[in-house]
PDB file of all heavy atoms in Angstrom:
ATOM      1  N   VAL A   1     162.455  -4.908 -51.307  1.00  0.00           N
ATOM      2  CA  VAL A   1     161.979  -5.655 -52.485  1.00  0.00           C
ATOM      3  C   VAL A   1     162.871  -6.877 -52.649  1.00  0.00           C
ATOM      4  O   VAL A   1     164.090  -6.813 -52.445  1.00  0.00           O
ATOM      5  CB  VAL A   1     161.973  -4.798 -53.778  1.00  0.00           C
ATOM      6  CG1 VAL A   1     160.916  -3.730 -53.713  1.00  0.00           C
ATOM      7  CG2 VAL A   1     163.333  -4.178 -54.041  1.00  0.00           C
ATOM      8  N   LYS A   2     162.249  -7.983 -52.985  1.00  0.00           N
ATOM      9  CA  LYS A   2     162.961  -9.241 -53.172  1.00  0.00           C
ATOM     10  C   LYS A   2     162.722  -9.739 -54.596  1.00  0.00           C
ATOM     11  O   LYS A   2     161.635  -9.580 -55.133  1.00  0.00           O
ATOM     12  CB  LYS A   2     162.467 -10.300 -52.182  1.00  0.00           C
ATOM     13  CG  LYS A   2     162.637  -9.932 -50.715  1.00  0.00           C
ATOM     14  CD  LYS A   2     162.060 -11.012 -49.822  1.00  0.00           C
ATOM     15  CE  LYS A   2     162.163 -10.640 -48.354  1.00  0.00           C
ATOM     16  NZ  LYS A   2     161.597 -11.684 -47.475  1.00  0.00           N
ATOM     17  N   MET A   3     163.728 -10.353 -55.175  1.00  0.00           N
ATOM     18  CA  MET A   3     163.574 -10.921 -56.510  1.00  0.00           C
ATOM     19  C   MET A   3     164.729 -11.856 -56.802  1.00  0.00           C
ATOM     20  O   MET A   3     165.801 -11.763 -56.188  1.00  0.00           O
ATOM     21  CB  MET A   3     163.502  -9.830 -57.590  1.00  0.00           C
ATOM     22  CG  MET A   3     164.766  -9.018 -57.766  1.00  0.00           C
ATOM     23  SD  MET A   3     165.021  -7.814 -56.451  1.00  0.00           S
ATOM     24  CE  MET A   3     166.405  -6.888 -57.121  1.00  0.00           C
ATOM     25  N   SER A   4     164.525 -12.768 -57.726  1.00  0.00           N
ATOM     26  CA  SER A   4     165.597 -13.561 -58.304  1.00  0.00           C
ATOM     27  C   SER A   4     165.857 -13.036 -59.699  1.00  0.00           C
ATOM     28  O   SER A   4     164.909 -12.754 -60.442  1.00  0.00           O
ATOM     29  CB  SER A   4     165.207 -15.048 -58.360  1.00  0.00           C
ATOM     30  OG  SER A   4     165.055 -15.583 -57.065  1.00  0.00           O
ATOM     31  N   PHE A   5     167.109 -12.884 -60.063  1.00  0.00           N
ATOM     32  CA  PHE A   5     167.408 -12.381 -61.398  1.00  0.00           C
ATOM     33  C   PHE A   5     168.742 -12.919 -61.893  1.00  0.00           C
ATOM     34  O   PHE A   5     169.616 -13.276 -61.102  1.00  0.00           O
ATOM     35  CB  PHE A   5     167.404 -10.845 -61.420  1.00  0.00           C
ATOM     36  CG  PHE A   5     168.574 -10.197 -60.712  1.00  0.00           C
ATOM     37  CD1 PHE A   5     169.737  -9.875 -61.399  1.00  0.00           C
ATOM     38  CD2 PHE A   5     168.505  -9.903 -59.365  1.00  0.00           C
ATOM     39  CE1 PHE A   5     170.812  -9.286 -60.745  1.00  0.00           C
ATOM     40  CE2 PHE A   5     169.556  -9.310 -58.696  1.00  0.00           C
ATOM     41  CZ  PHE A   5     170.723  -8.995 -59.393  1.00  0.00           C
ATOM     42  N   CYS A   6     168.869 -12.957 -63.201  1.00  0.00           N
ATOM     43  CA  CYS A   6     170.128 -13.316 -63.863  1.00  0.00           C
ATOM     44  C   CYS A   6     170.272 -12.445 -65.091  1.00  0.00           C
ATOM     45  O   CYS A   6     169.317 -12.288 -65.878  1.00  0.00           O
ATOM     46  CB  CYS A   6     170.149 -14.777 -64.279  1.00  0.00           C
ATOM     47  SG  CYS A   6     170.282 -15.952 -62.916  1.00  0.00           S
ATOM     48  N   ALA A   7     171.460 -11.869 -65.257  1.00  0.00           N
ATOM     49  CA  ALA A   7     171.764 -11.049 -66.446  1.00  0.00           C
ATOM     50  C   ALA A   7     172.887 -11.722 -67.222  1.00  0.00           C
ATOM     51  O   ALA A   7     173.890 -12.152 -66.635  1.00  0.00           O
ATOM     52  CB  ALA A   7     172.169  -9.642 -66.033  1.00  0.00           C
ATOM     53  N   PHE A   8     172.712 -11.799 -68.541  1.00  0.00           N
ATOM     54  CA  PHE A   8     173.651 -12.487 -69.422  1.00  0.00           C
ATOM     55  C   PHE A   8     174.141 -11.538 -70.503  1.00  0.00           C
ATOM     56  O   PHE A   8     173.443 -10.606 -70.895  1.00  0.00           O
ATOM     57  CB  PHE A   8     172.993 -13.697 -70.087  1.00  0.00           C
ATOM     58  CG  PHE A   8     172.324 -14.652 -69.146  1.00  0.00           C
ATOM     59  CD1 PHE A   8     171.013 -14.455 -68.738  1.00  0.00           C
ATOM     60  CD2 PHE A   8     173.010 -15.748 -68.660  1.00  0.00           C
ATOM     61  CE1 PHE A   8     170.382 -15.342 -67.867  1.00  0.00           C
ATOM     62  CE2 PHE A   8     172.403 -16.648 -67.786  1.00  0.00           C
ATOM     63  CZ  PHE A   8     171.084 -16.434 -67.405  1.00  0.00           C
ATOM     64  N   SER A   9     175.345 -11.815 -71.008  1.00  0.00           N
ATOM     65  CA  SER A   9     175.894 -11.006 -72.102  1.00  0.00           C
ATOM     66  C   SER A   9     176.908 -11.835 -72.869  1.00  0.00           C
ATOM     67  O   SER A   9     177.425 -12.839 -72.361  1.00  0.00           O
ATOM     68  CB  SER A   9     176.560  -9.737 -71.539  1.00  0.00           C
ATOM     69  OG  SER A   9     177.163  -8.996 -72.584  1.00  0.00           O
ATOM     70  N   ARG A  10     177.175 -11.408 -74.089  1.00  0.00           N
ATOM     71  CA  ARG A  10     178.238 -12.037 -74.877  1.00  0.00           C
ATOM     72  C   ARG A  10     179.614 -11.532 -74.430  1.00  0.00           C
ATOM     73  O   ARG A  10     180.641 -12.117 -74.777  1.00  0.00           O
ATOM     74  CB  ARG A  10     178.054 -11.714 -76.366  1.00  0.00           C
ATOM     75  CG  ARG A  10     176.734 -12.213 -76.945  1.00  0.00           C
ATOM     76  CD  ARG A  10     176.789 -13.664 -77.296  1.00  0.00           C
ATOM     77  NE  ARG A  10     175.493 -14.179 -77.710  1.00  0.00           N
ATOM     78  CZ  ARG A  10     175.176 -15.473 -77.721  1.00  0.00           C
ATOM     79  NH1 ARG A  10     176.062 -16.347 -77.295  1.00  0.00           N
ATOM     80  NH2 ARG A  10     173.997 -15.870 -78.090  1.00  0.00           N
ATOM     81  N   ARG A  11     179.633 -10.439 -73.687  1.00  0.00           N
ATOM     82  CA  ARG A  11     180.908  -9.885 -73.216  1.00  0.00           C
ATOM     83  C   ARG A  11     181.279 -10.539 -71.894  1.00  0.00           C
ATOM     84  O   ARG A  11     180.500 -10.546 -70.952  1.00  0.00           O
ATOM     85  CB  ARG A  11     180.789  -8.371 -73.018  1.00  0.00           C
ATOM     86  CG  ARG A  11     180.567  -7.614 -74.313  1.00  0.00           C
ATOM     87  CD  ARG A  11     180.496  -6.125 -74.054  1.00  0.00           C
ATOM     88  NE  ARG A  11     179.336  -5.790 -73.210  1.00  0.00           N
ATOM     89  CZ  ARG A  11     179.038  -4.566 -72.802  1.00  0.00           C
ATOM     90  NH1 ARG A  11     179.841  -3.559 -73.130  1.00  0.00           N
ATOM     91  NH2 ARG A  11     177.967  -4.332 -72.066  1.00  0.00           N
ATOM     92  N   GLU A  12     182.494 -11.067 -71.808  1.00  0.00           N
ATOM     93  CA  GLU A  12     182.919 -11.723 -70.578  1.00  0.00           C
ATOM     94  C   GLU A  12     183.326 -10.673 -69.564  1.00  0.00           C
ATOM     95  O   GLU A  12     184.012  -9.696 -69.877  1.00  0.00           O
ATOM     96  CB  GLU A  12     184.088 -12.662 -70.853  1.00  0.00           C
ATOM     97  CG  GLU A  12     184.465 -13.512 -69.670  1.00  0.00           C
ATOM     98  CD  GLU A  12     185.430 -14.626 -70.034  1.00  0.00           C
ATOM     99  OE1 GLU A  12     185.923 -14.625 -71.177  1.00  0.00           O
ATOM    100  OE2 GLU A  12     185.678 -15.501 -69.188  1.00  0.00           O
ATOM    101  N   ARG A  13     182.902 -10.881 -68.342  1.00  0.00           N
ATOM    102  CA  ARG A  13     183.180  -9.937 -67.266  1.00  0.00           C
ATOM    103  C   ARG A  13     184.470 -10.328 -66.565  1.00  0.00           C
ATOM    104  O   ARG A  13     184.714 -11.493 -66.275  1.00  0.00           O
ATOM    105  CB  ARG A  13     182.016  -9.957 -66.279  1.00  0.00           C
ATOM    106  CG  ARG A  13     182.156  -9.026 -65.109  1.00  0.00           C
ATOM    107  CD  ARG A  13     181.052  -9.289 -64.109  1.00  0.00           C
ATOM    108  NE  ARG A  13     181.047 -10.691 -63.707  1.00  0.00           N
ATOM    109  CZ  ARG A  13     180.173 -11.215 -62.862  1.00  0.00           C
ATOM    110  NH1 ARG A  13     179.215 -10.492 -62.379  1.00  0.00           N
ATOM    111  NH2 ARG A  13     180.245 -12.496 -62.541  1.00  0.00           N
ATOM    112  N   GLN A  14     185.300  -9.331 -66.270  1.00  0.00           N
ATOM    113  CA  GLN A  14     186.508  -9.539 -65.499  1.00  0.00           C
ATOM    114  C   GLN A  14     186.293  -8.917 -64.121  1.00  0.00           C
ATOM    115  O   GLN A  14     186.248  -7.697 -63.982  1.00  0.00           O
ATOM    116  CB  GLN A  14     187.717  -8.894 -66.204  1.00  0.00           C
ATOM    117  CG  GLN A  14     187.989  -9.421 -67.599  1.00  0.00           C
ATOM    118  CD  GLN A  14     188.350 -10.895 -67.595  1.00  0.00           C
ATOM    119  OE1 GLN A  14     188.987 -11.392 -66.670  1.00  0.00           O
ATOM    120  NE2 GLN A  14     187.934 -11.600 -68.646  1.00  0.00           N
ATOM    121  N   GLU A  15     186.193  -9.769 -63.112  1.00  0.00           N
ATOM    122  CA  GLU A  15     185.810  -9.253 -61.795  1.00  0.00           C
ATOM    123  C   GLU A  15     186.771  -9.625 -60.680  1.00  0.00           C
ATOM    124  O   GLU A  15     186.737  -9.046 -59.617  1.00  0.00           O
ATOM    125  CB  GLU A  15     184.408  -9.772 -61.446  1.00  0.00           C
ATOM    126  CG  GLU A  15     183.773  -9.065 -60.269  1.00  0.00           C
ATOM    127  CD  GLU A  15     182.323  -9.458 -60.105  1.00  0.00           C
ATOM    128  OE1 GLU A  15     182.070 -10.650 -59.866  1.00  0.00           O
ATOM    129  OE2 GLU A  15     181.472  -8.580 -60.228  1.00  0.00           O
ATOM    130  N   GLY A  16     187.650 -10.575 -60.905  1.00  0.00           N
ATOM    131  CA  GLY A  16     188.551 -10.983 -59.841  1.00  0.00           C
ATOM    132  C   GLY A  16     187.888 -11.970 -58.893  1.00  0.00           C
ATOM    133  O   GLY A  16     186.835 -12.541 -59.166  1.00  0.00           O
ATOM    134  N   ASN A  17     188.512 -12.156 -57.752  1.00  0.00           N
ATOM    135  CA  ASN A  17     188.085 -13.174 -56.783  1.00  0.00           C
ATOM    136  C   ASN A  17     187.100 -12.549 -55.795  1.00  0.00           C
ATOM    137  O   ASN A  17     187.495 -12.032 -54.745  1.00  0.00           O
ATOM    138  CB  ASN A  17     189.286 -13.741 -56.057  1.00  0.00           C
ATOM    139  CG  ASN A  17     188.933 -14.905 -55.162  1.00  0.00           C
ATOM    140  OD1 ASN A  17     187.923 -15.574 -55.385  1.00  0.00           O
ATOM    141  ND2 ASN A  17     189.743 -15.131 -54.144  1.00  0.00           N
ATOM    142  N   LYS A  18     185.801 -12.594 -56.109  1.00  0.00           N
ATOM    143  CA  LYS A  18     184.780 -12.005 -55.253  1.00  0.00           C
ATOM    144  C   LYS A  18     183.743 -13.048 -54.880  1.00  0.00           C
ATOM    145  O   LYS A  18     183.590 -14.070 -55.548  1.00  0.00           O
ATOM    146  CB  LYS A  18     184.118 -10.805 -55.939  1.00  0.00           C
ATOM    147  CG  LYS A  18     185.063  -9.637 -56.158  1.00  0.00           C
ATOM    148  CD  LYS A  18     184.327  -8.418 -56.688  1.00  0.00           C
ATOM    149  CE  LYS A  18     185.283  -7.240 -56.838  1.00  0.00           C
ATOM    150  NZ  LYS A  18     184.583  -6.013 -57.329  1.00  0.00           N
ATOM    151  N   LEU A  19     183.047 -12.767 -53.780  1.00  0.00           N
ATOM    152  CA  LEU A  19     182.006 -13.658 -53.290  1.00  0.00           C
ATOM    153  C   LEU A  19     180.736 -12.857 -53.041  1.00  0.00           C
ATOM    154  O   LEU A  19     180.794 -11.705 -52.615  1.00  0.00           O
ATOM    155  CB  LEU A  19     182.452 -14.344 -51.991  1.00  0.00           C
ATOM    156  CG  LEU A  19     183.745 -15.153 -52.058  1.00  0.00           C
ATOM    157  CD1 LEU A  19     184.872 -14.330 -51.422  1.00  0.00           C
ATOM    158  CD2 LEU A  19     183.596 -16.484 -51.339  1.00  0.00           C
ATOM    159  N   ARG A  20     179.591 -13.492 -53.274  1.00  0.00           N
ATOM    160  CA  ARG A  20     178.296 -12.856 -53.080  1.00  0.00           C
ATOM    161  C   ARG A  20     177.649 -13.411 -51.800  1.00  0.00           C
ATOM    162  O   ARG A  20     177.635 -14.625 -51.592  1.00  0.00           O
ATOM    163  CB  ARG A  20     177.379 -13.136 -54.269  1.00  0.00           C
ATOM    164  CG  ARG A  20     175.993 -12.529 -54.177  1.00  0.00           C
ATOM    165  CD  ARG A  20     175.979 -11.065 -54.551  1.00  0.00           C
ATOM    166  NE  ARG A  20     176.148 -10.839 -55.976  1.00  0.00           N
ATOM    167  CZ  ARG A  20     176.138  -9.614 -56.527  1.00  0.00           C
ATOM    168  NH1 ARG A  20     175.965  -8.537 -55.769  1.00  0.00           N
ATOM    169  NH2 ARG A  20     176.316  -9.465 -57.817  1.00  0.00           N
ATOM    170  N   VAL A  21     177.123 -12.523 -50.955  1.00  0.00           N
ATOM    171  CA  VAL A  21     176.377 -12.962 -49.771  1.00  0.00           C
ATOM    172  C   VAL A  21     175.015 -13.470 -50.240  1.00  0.00           C
ATOM    173  O   VAL A  21     174.263 -12.743 -50.883  1.00  0.00           O
ATOM    174  CB  VAL A  21     176.190 -11.805 -48.773  1.00  0.00           C
ATOM    175  CG1 VAL A  21     175.389 -12.278 -47.561  1.00  0.00           C
ATOM    176  CG2 VAL A  21     177.543 -11.252 -48.329  1.00  0.00           C
ATOM    177  N   VAL A  22     174.707 -14.730 -49.916  1.00  0.00           N
ATOM    178  CA  VAL A  22     173.475 -15.335 -50.430  1.00  0.00           C
ATOM    179  C   VAL A  22     172.548 -15.810 -49.308  1.00  0.00           C
ATOM    180  O   VAL A  22     171.685 -16.676 -49.529  1.00  0.00           O
ATOM    181  CB  VAL A  22     173.773 -16.500 -51.416  1.00  0.00           C
ATOM    182  CG1 VAL A  22     174.407 -15.960 -52.681  1.00  0.00           C
ATOM    183  CG2 VAL A  22     174.666 -17.553 -50.751  1.00  0.00           C
ATOM    184  N   SER A  23     172.719 -15.272 -48.109  1.00  0.00           N
ATOM    185  CA  SER A  23     171.810 -15.624 -47.020  1.00  0.00           C
ATOM    186  C   SER A  23     171.660 -14.421 -46.092  1.00  0.00           C
ATOM    187  O   SER A  23     172.444 -13.469 -46.156  1.00  0.00           O
ATOM    188  CB  SER A  23     172.345 -16.817 -46.214  1.00  0.00           C
ATOM    189  OG  SER A  23     173.403 -16.418 -45.345  1.00  0.00           O
ATOM    190  N   ASP A  24     170.665 -14.488 -45.231  1.00  0.00           N
ATOM    191  CA  ASP A  24     170.581 -13.553 -44.130  1.00  0.00           C
ATOM    192  C   ASP A  24     171.516 -14.021 -43.017  1.00  0.00           C
ATOM    193  O   ASP A  24     172.062 -15.138 -43.073  1.00  0.00           O
ATOM    194  CB  ASP A  24     169.140 -13.488 -43.609  1.00  0.00           C
ATOM    195  CG  ASP A  24     168.170 -12.979 -44.659  1.00  0.00           C
ATOM    196  OD1 ASP A  24     168.537 -12.047 -45.402  1.00  0.00           O
ATOM    197  OD2 ASP A  24     167.049 -13.525 -44.754  1.00  0.00           O
ATOM    198  N   ALA A  25     171.723 -13.186 -42.019  1.00  0.00           N
ATOM    199  CA  ALA A  25     172.560 -13.574 -40.885  1.00  0.00           C
ATOM    200  C   ALA A  25     171.900 -14.704 -40.103  1.00  0.00           C
ATOM    201  O   ALA A  25     170.678 -14.697 -39.894  1.00  0.00           O
ATOM    202  CB  ALA A  25     172.792 -12.371 -39.981  1.00  0.00           C
ATOM    203  N   MET A  26     172.706 -15.674 -39.672  1.00  0.00           N
ATOM    204  CA  MET A  26     172.198 -16.821 -38.906  1.00  0.00           C
ATOM    205  C   MET A  26     173.028 -16.945 -37.633  1.00  0.00           C
ATOM    206  O   MET A  26     174.269 -16.952 -37.693  1.00  0.00           O
ATOM    207  CB  MET A  26     172.296 -18.099 -39.739  1.00  0.00           C
ATOM    208  CG  MET A  26     171.470 -18.078 -41.013  1.00  0.00           C
ATOM    209  SD  MET A  26     171.770 -19.505 -42.084  1.00  0.00           S
ATOM    210  CE  MET A  26     173.347 -19.022 -42.831  1.00  0.00           C
ATOM    211  N   LEU A  27     172.380 -17.036 -36.488  1.00  0.00           N
ATOM    212  CA  LEU A  27     173.066 -17.146 -35.201  1.00  0.00           C
ATOM    213  C   LEU A  27     172.957 -18.583 -34.697  1.00  0.00           C
ATOM    214  O   LEU A  27     171.851 -19.121 -34.581  1.00  0.00           O
ATOM    215  CB  LEU A  27     172.432 -16.184 -34.188  1.00  0.00           C
ATOM    216  CG  LEU A  27     173.079 -16.129 -32.796  1.00  0.00           C
ATOM    217  CD1 LEU A  27     174.509 -15.594 -32.888  1.00  0.00           C
ATOM    218  CD2 LEU A  27     172.232 -15.266 -31.859  1.00  0.00           C
ATOM    219  N   ASN A  28     174.112 -19.204 -34.402  1.00  0.00           N
ATOM    220  CA  ASN A  28     174.068 -20.580 -33.914  1.00  0.00           C
ATOM    221  C   ASN A  28     174.122 -20.639 -32.385  1.00  0.00           C
ATOM    222  O   ASN A  28     174.279 -19.616 -31.705  1.00  0.00           O
ATOM    223  CB  ASN A  28     175.186 -21.424 -34.548  1.00  0.00           C
ATOM    224  CG  ASN A  28     176.571 -21.012 -34.098  1.00  0.00           C
ATOM    225  OD1 ASN A  28     176.745 -20.279 -33.121  1.00  0.00           O
ATOM    226  ND2 ASN A  28     177.587 -21.474 -34.829  1.00  0.00           N
ATOM    227  N   LYS A  29     174.026 -21.830 -31.831  1.00  0.00           N
ATOM    228  CA  LYS A  29     173.955 -21.991 -30.385  1.00  0.00           C
ATOM    229  C   LYS A  29     175.258 -21.598 -29.702  1.00  0.00           C
ATOM    230  O   LYS A  29     175.277 -21.285 -28.509  1.00  0.00           O
ATOM    231  CB  LYS A  29     173.611 -23.447 -30.048  1.00  0.00           C
ATOM    232  CG  LYS A  29     172.196 -23.843 -30.478  1.00  0.00           C
ATOM    233  CD  LYS A  29     171.914 -25.296 -30.110  1.00  0.00           C
ATOM    234  CE  LYS A  29     170.513 -25.702 -30.536  1.00  0.00           C
ATOM    235  NZ  LYS A  29     170.219 -27.129 -30.207  1.00  0.00           N
ATOM    236  N   ALA A  30     176.357 -21.612 -30.450  1.00  0.00           N
ATOM    237  CA  ALA A  30     177.650 -21.254 -29.867  1.00  0.00           C
ATOM    238  C   ALA A  30     177.874 -19.734 -29.848  1.00  0.00           C
ATOM    239  O   ALA A  30     178.925 -19.279 -29.416  1.00  0.00           O
ATOM    240  CB  ALA A  30     178.770 -21.937 -30.642  1.00  0.00           C
ATOM    241  N   GLY A  31     176.900 -18.996 -30.314  1.00  0.00           N
ATOM    242  CA  GLY A  31     177.026 -17.545 -30.298  1.00  0.00           C
ATOM    243  C   GLY A  31     177.813 -16.968 -31.457  1.00  0.00           C
ATOM    244  O   GLY A  31     178.361 -15.860 -31.368  1.00  0.00           O
ATOM    245  N   ARG A  32     177.885 -17.706 -32.544  1.00  0.00           N
ATOM    246  CA  ARG A  32     178.574 -17.214 -33.745  1.00  0.00           C
ATOM    247  C   ARG A  32     177.532 -16.801 -34.784  1.00  0.00           C
ATOM    248  O   ARG A  32     176.547 -17.511 -35.024  1.00  0.00           O
ATOM    249  CB  ARG A  32     179.499 -18.281 -34.328  1.00  0.00           C
ATOM    250  CG  ARG A  32     180.642 -18.696 -33.423  1.00  0.00           C
ATOM    251  CD  ARG A  32     181.602 -19.613 -34.134  1.00  0.00           C
ATOM    252  NE  ARG A  32     182.365 -18.916 -35.168  1.00  0.00           N
ATOM    253  CZ  ARG A  32     183.501 -18.249 -34.945  1.00  0.00           C
ATOM    254  NH1 ARG A  32     184.003 -18.173 -33.715  1.00  0.00           N
ATOM    255  NH2 ARG A  32     184.132 -17.651 -35.939  1.00  0.00           N
ATOM    256  N   LEU A  33     177.792 -15.678 -35.411  1.00  0.00           N
ATOM    257  CA  LEU A  33     176.936 -15.202 -36.499  1.00  0.00           C
ATOM    258  C   LEU A  33     177.538 -15.691 -37.807  1.00  0.00           C
ATOM    259  O   LEU A  33     178.748 -15.583 -38.025  1.00  0.00           O
ATOM    260  CB  LEU A  33     176.869 -13.673 -36.483  1.00  0.00           C
ATOM    261  CG  LEU A  33     175.658 -13.058 -37.198  1.00  0.00           C
ATOM    262  CD1 LEU A  33     174.385 -13.361 -36.415  1.00  0.00           C
ATOM    263  CD2 LEU A  33     175.836 -11.536 -37.317  1.00  0.00           C
ATOM    264  N   ARG A  34     176.693 -16.205 -38.681  1.00  0.00           N
ATOM    265  CA  ARG A  34     177.178 -16.847 -39.898  1.00  0.00           C
ATOM    266  C   ARG A  34     176.377 -16.378 -41.106  1.00  0.00           C
ATOM    267  O   ARG A  34     175.163 -16.174 -41.033  1.00  0.00           O
ATOM    268  CB  ARG A  34     177.040 -18.362 -39.745  1.00  0.00           C
ATOM    269  CG  ARG A  34     177.508 -19.189 -40.927  1.00  0.00           C
ATOM    270  CD  ARG A  34     177.504 -20.662 -40.564  1.00  0.00           C
ATOM    271  NE  ARG A  34     176.146 -21.154 -40.356  1.00  0.00           N
ATOM    272  CZ  ARG A  34     175.500 -21.949 -41.208  1.00  0.00           C
ATOM    273  NH1 ARG A  34     176.074 -22.353 -42.332  1.00  0.00           N
ATOM    274  NH2 ARG A  34     174.270 -22.346 -40.946  1.00  0.00           N
ATOM    275  N   TYR A  35     177.089 -16.183 -42.227  1.00  0.00           N
ATOM    276  CA  TYR A  35     176.487 -15.914 -43.520  1.00  0.00           C
ATOM    277  C   TYR A  35     176.943 -16.991 -44.496  1.00  0.00           C
ATOM    278  O   TYR A  35     178.037 -17.566 -44.343  1.00  0.00           O
ATOM    279  CB  TYR A  35     176.933 -14.561 -44.092  1.00  0.00           C
ATOM    280  CG  TYR A  35     176.501 -13.355 -43.303  1.00  0.00           C
ATOM    281  CD1 TYR A  35     177.315 -12.832 -42.299  1.00  0.00           C
ATOM    282  CD2 TYR A  35     175.297 -12.701 -43.574  1.00  0.00           C
ATOM    283  CE1 TYR A  35     176.946 -11.715 -41.574  1.00  0.00           C
ATOM    284  CE2 TYR A  35     174.920 -11.576 -42.860  1.00  0.00           C
ATOM    285  CZ  TYR A  35     175.741 -11.079 -41.869  1.00  0.00           C
ATOM    286  OH  TYR A  35     175.366  -9.976 -41.160  1.00  0.00           O
ATOM    287  N   LEU A  36     176.149 -17.245 -45.521  1.00  0.00           N
ATOM    288  CA  LEU A  36     176.589 -18.083 -46.627  1.00  0.00           C
ATOM    289  C   LEU A  36     177.038 -17.197 -47.760  1.00  0.00           C
ATOM    290  O   LEU A  36     176.362 -16.228 -48.134  1.00  0.00           O
ATOM    291  CB  LEU A  36     175.459 -19.006 -47.088  1.00  0.00           C
ATOM    292  CG  LEU A  36     175.048 -20.123 -46.140  1.00  0.00           C
ATOM    293  CD1 LEU A  36     173.917 -20.944 -46.765  1.00  0.00           C
ATOM    294  CD2 LEU A  36     176.217 -21.017 -45.784  1.00  0.00           C
ATOM    295  N   LEU A  37     178.197 -17.520 -48.315  1.00  0.00           N
ATOM    296  CA  LEU A  37     178.756 -16.807 -49.456  1.00  0.00           C
ATOM    297  C   LEU A  37     178.776 -17.746 -50.654  1.00  0.00           C
ATOM    298  O   LEU A  37     178.870 -18.963 -50.501  1.00  0.00           O
ATOM    299  CB  LEU A  37     180.178 -16.322 -49.158  1.00  0.00           C
ATOM    300  CG  LEU A  37     180.434 -15.605 -47.834  1.00  0.00           C
ATOM    301  CD1 LEU A  37     181.920 -15.237 -47.715  1.00  0.00           C
ATOM    302  CD2 LEU A  37     179.557 -14.369 -47.718  1.00  0.00           C
ATOM    303  N   CYS A  38     178.730 -17.172 -51.849  1.00  0.00           N
ATOM    304  CA  CYS A  38     178.819 -17.968 -53.077  1.00  0.00           C
ATOM    305  C   CYS A  38     179.943 -17.431 -53.945  1.00  0.00           C
ATOM    306  O   CYS A  38     180.033 -16.222 -54.175  1.00  0.00           O
ATOM    307  CB  CYS A  38     177.497 -17.917 -53.835  1.00  0.00           C
ATOM    308  SG  CYS A  38     177.490 -18.917 -55.351  1.00  0.00           S
ATOM    309  N   ASP A  39     180.790 -18.336 -54.417  1.00  0.00           N
ATOM    310  CA  ASP A  39     181.856 -17.923 -55.351  1.00  0.00           C
ATOM    311  C   ASP A  39     181.514 -18.327 -56.785  1.00  0.00           C
ATOM    312  O   ASP A  39     182.361 -18.244 -57.677  1.00  0.00           O
ATOM    313  CB  ASP A  39     183.205 -18.505 -54.935  1.00  0.00           C
ATOM    314  CG  ASP A  39     183.268 -20.036 -55.013  1.00  0.00           C
ATOM    315  OD1 ASP A  39     182.247 -20.660 -55.388  1.00  0.00           O
ATOM    316  OD2 ASP A  39     184.327 -20.608 -54.715  1.00  0.00           O
ATOM    317  N   GLY A  40     180.272 -18.750 -56.999  1.00  0.00           N
ATOM    318  CA  GLY A  40     179.840 -19.180 -58.321  1.00  0.00           C
ATOM    319  C   GLY A  40     179.961 -20.667 -58.538  1.00  0.00           C
ATOM    320  O   GLY A  40     179.379 -21.223 -59.463  1.00  0.00           O
TER     321      GLY A  40
END
């Protein structure tokens, strides 16, 4: 299942230094597998 979503709150979240994977795996011509990450 695929969807776009956003959840909001008045409470601030403490999560530390994390990154979200925001792409599927991508293989380039040099033979490297790459993902895109988002830090916000």
